[in-house]
Amino acid sequence: MTTNTPPLNQEAGANRFSQPGKPMQTGAHLRLLFGRANKAIEQVDRASISRTGLNVSDFAILEALLHKGPLPINTIGEKVLLTSGSMTTAANRLEKKGLVQRVRDPADGRSVQLHLTGAGQELIETAFLNHCANLELIFAVLAKNERAELARLLKKIGRQAQSMQLP
């Protein structure tokens, strides 16, 4: 049986959709490149956070409190993508370590907010600065204009993906 499929180009990175010496930047190929870069960045991210002595969830909660101030527990969970059960467990753990405290919202006695303690504030400020420095090393290979272009393109791709409704 014969097919009309052209032979595979044997050059590295080439396939039947590309020309010799010029791999085609298909959506599938770009997704692969993006996925690999994301995985490598996540590995640096997790290693950087683990150096703080915190796990990723606890770091995210403390970071949210650092930037947003006291927040209801359910609001923090929504921001850091934790279920209510996971958020309660994390809040208990952080409270036991003396990094946060629960305070009833004076405007609504039913609502409980998490506040950073002095120790929590000190820990997350230092940890966040160190973490940012580690992440900065990843993107140091890009010039200022390349960073701006990357940010613009990632937003554009994100908006496109969000607008798509596949069956």
Protein backbone atom coordinates (compact mmCIF):
# COMPACT_ATOMS: atom_id res chain seq x y z
CA MET A 1 0.00 0.00 0.00
CA THR A 2 1.39 3.40 -0.92
CA THR A 3 0.54 6.71 0.63
CA ASN A 4 0.83 10.27 -0.56
CA THR A 5 2.53 11.29 2.66
CA PRO A 6 5.88 12.93 1.96
CA PRO A 7 8.90 11.26 3.58
CA LEU A 8 9.96 12.52 6.95
CA ASN A 9 12.77 15.02 6.88
CA GLN A 10 15.59 13.51 8.93
CA GLU A 11 16.98 16.82 10.27
CA ALA A 12 16.68 17.38 14.02
CA GLY A 13 13.44 19.15 14.86
CA ALA A 14 12.02 18.66 11.40
CA ASN A 15 8.90 16.74 10.48
CA ARG A 16 6.65 16.31 7.49
CA PHE A 17 5.12 19.72 8.22
CA SER A 18 8.43 21.57 8.05
CA GLN A 19 10.92 22.57 5.42
CA PRO A 20 14.55 21.40 5.58
CA GLY A 21 16.43 23.50 8.12
CA LYS A 22 13.26 25.30 9.23
CA PRO A 23 11.06 23.45 11.74
CA MET A 24 7.50 24.73 11.49
CA GLN A 25 6.26 26.41 14.65
CA THR A 26 2.94 24.58 14.85
CA GLY A 27 0.59 25.06 17.77
CA ALA A 28 1.53 21.59 18.98
CA HIS A 29 5.24 22.42 18.88
CA LEU A 30 4.75 25.75 20.62
CA ARG A 31 2.66 24.02 23.31
CA LEU A 32 5.47 21.51 23.82
CA LEU A 33 8.05 24.30 24.17
CA PHE A 34 5.78 26.21 26.54
CA GLY A 35 5.15 23.08 28.62
CA ARG A 36 8.85 22.28 28.92
CA ALA A 37 9.70 25.85 29.91
CA ASN A 38 6.84 25.89 32.42
CA LYS A 39 7.99 22.60 33.96
CA ALA A 40 11.55 23.89 34.34
CA ILE A 41 10.32 27.15 35.88
CA GLU A 42 8.06 25.24 38.29
CA GLN A 43 11.02 23.13 39.42
CA VAL A 44 13.02 26.27 40.23
CA ASP A 45 9.92 27.76 41.88
CA ARG A 46 9.38 24.74 44.14
CA ALA A 47 13.07 24.45 45.04
CA SER A 48 13.18 28.15 45.86
CA ILE A 49 10.11 27.90 48.09
CA SER A 50 11.36 24.76 49.84
CA ARG A 51 14.47 26.71 50.93
CA THR A 52 12.18 28.93 53.00
CA GLY A 53 11.09 25.95 55.10
CA LEU A 54 7.53 26.33 53.82
CA ASN A 55 5.54 24.20 51.43
CA VAL A 56 4.04 25.76 48.30
CA SER A 57 0.54 26.15 49.79
CA ASP A 58 1.77 27.80 52.99
CA PHE A 59 4.04 30.12 51.01
CA ALA A 60 1.12 31.11 48.74
CA ILE A 61 -1.13 31.85 51.73
CA LEU A 62 1.50 33.96 53.48
CA GLU A 63 2.30 35.75 50.23
CA ALA A 64 -1.39 36.59 49.70
CA LEU A 65 -1.55 38.02 53.22
CA LEU A 66 1.67 39.97 52.64
CA HIS A 67 0.28 41.65 49.53
CA LYS A 68 -3.42 41.92 50.38
CA GLY A 69 -3.45 42.23 54.16
CA PRO A 70 -5.90 40.34 56.40
CA LEU A 71 -8.43 38.32 54.41
CA PRO A 72 -11.28 35.91 55.09
CA ILE A 73 -10.07 32.31 54.93
CA ASN A 74 -12.37 31.44 52.01
CA THR A 75 -11.09 34.43 50.00
CA ILE A 76 -7.50 33.30 50.48
CA GLY A 77 -8.46 29.79 49.37
CA GLU A 78 -9.95 31.19 46.15
CA LYS A 79 -6.83 33.26 45.48
CA VAL A 80 -4.36 30.41 46.05
CA LEU A 81 -6.60 27.70 44.54
CA LEU A 82 -7.11 25.60 47.68
CA THR A 83 -10.33 23.85 48.65
CA SER A 84 -11.98 24.93 51.88
CA GLY A 85 -10.76 21.76 53.60
CA SER A 86 -7.17 22.23 52.44
CA MET A 87 -7.33 25.89 53.39
CA THR A 88 -8.51 25.05 56.91
CA THR A 89 -5.72 22.50 57.33
CA ALA A 90 -3.12 24.99 56.09
CA ALA A 91 -4.48 27.77 58.32
CA ASN A 92 -4.29 25.43 61.33
CA ARG A 93 -0.71 24.51 60.45
CA LEU A 94 0.36 28.14 60.01
CA GLU A 95 -1.40 29.18 63.21
CA LYS A 96 0.33 26.38 65.14
CA LYS A 97 3.69 27.67 63.83
CA GLY A 98 2.79 31.17 65.05
CA LEU A 99 2.82 32.68 61.56
CA VAL A 100 -0.86 33.67 61.34
CA GLN A 101 -3.73 34.26 63.70
CA ARG A 102 -7.45 34.01 63.20
CA VAL A 103 -9.38 37.17 64.01
CA ARG A 104 -13.14 37.58 63.88
CA ASP A 105 -14.15 40.27 61.42
CA PRO A 106 -15.50 43.13 63.57
CA ALA A 107 -17.96 44.11 60.83
CA ASP A 108 -19.28 40.55 60.52
CA GLY A 109 -18.85 38.43 63.64
CA ARG A 110 -19.43 35.24 61.63
CA SER A 111 -16.46 35.77 59.33
CA VAL A 112 -12.91 34.88 60.36
CA GLN A 113 -9.92 36.57 58.82
CA LEU A 114 -6.31 35.44 58.79
CA HIS A 115 -3.72 37.99 59.89
CA LEU A 116 0.04 37.68 59.67
CA THR A 117 1.76 37.68 63.05
CA GLY A 118 5.02 39.56 63.49
CA ALA A 119 6.91 36.31 62.95
CA GLY A 120 4.83 35.51 59.87
CA GLN A 121 5.40 38.99 58.44
CA GLU A 122 9.15 38.74 58.98
CA LEU A 123 9.36 35.24 57.50
CA ILE A 124 7.34 35.94 54.35
CA GLU A 125 9.01 39.29 53.64
CA THR A 126 12.45 37.68 53.64
CA ALA A 127 11.27 34.51 51.90
CA PHE A 128 9.43 36.46 49.20
CA LEU A 129 12.44 38.67 48.42
CA ASN A 130 14.72 35.63 48.17
CA HIS A 131 12.18 33.79 46.04
CA CYS A 132 11.84 36.75 43.67
CA ALA A 133 15.63 36.92 43.33
CA ASN A 134 15.71 33.23 42.38
CA LEU A 135 12.97 33.68 39.79
CA GLU A 136 14.71 36.76 38.44
CA LEU A 137 17.69 34.56 37.53
CA ILE A 138 15.48 32.60 35.12
CA PHE A 139 14.39 35.67 33.21
CA ALA A 140 17.78 37.40 33.30
CA VAL A 141 18.45 35.92 29.84
CA LEU A 142 15.80 38.25 28.40
CA ALA A 143 16.34 41.92 27.63
CA LYS A 144 13.78 44.40 28.96
CA ASN A 145 12.02 44.63 25.59
CA GLU A 146 11.96 40.81 25.28
CA ARG A 147 10.31 40.53 28.70
CA ALA A 148 7.67 43.05 27.69
CA GLU A 149 7.05 41.18 24.44
CA LEU A 150 6.87 37.82 26.24
CA ALA A 151 4.35 39.22 28.72
CA ARG A 152 2.26 40.68 25.90
CA LEU A 153 2.29 37.41 23.95
CA LEU A 154 1.46 35.24 26.97
CA LYS A 155 -1.52 37.47 27.78
CA LYS A 156 -2.67 37.29 24.16
CA ILE A 157 -2.43 33.49 24.11
CA GLY A 158 -4.18 33.25 27.49
CA ARG A 159 -7.07 35.43 26.33
CA GLN A 160 -7.43 33.36 23.15
CA ALA A 161 -7.45 30.07 25.07
CA GLN A 162 -10.01 31.42 27.56
CA SER A 163 -12.30 32.54 24.75
CA MET A 164 -12.36 29.12 23.09
CA GLN A 165 -15.20 26.77 23.80
CA LEU A 166 -14.39 23.38 22.37
CA PRO A 167 -17.06 20.66 22.26
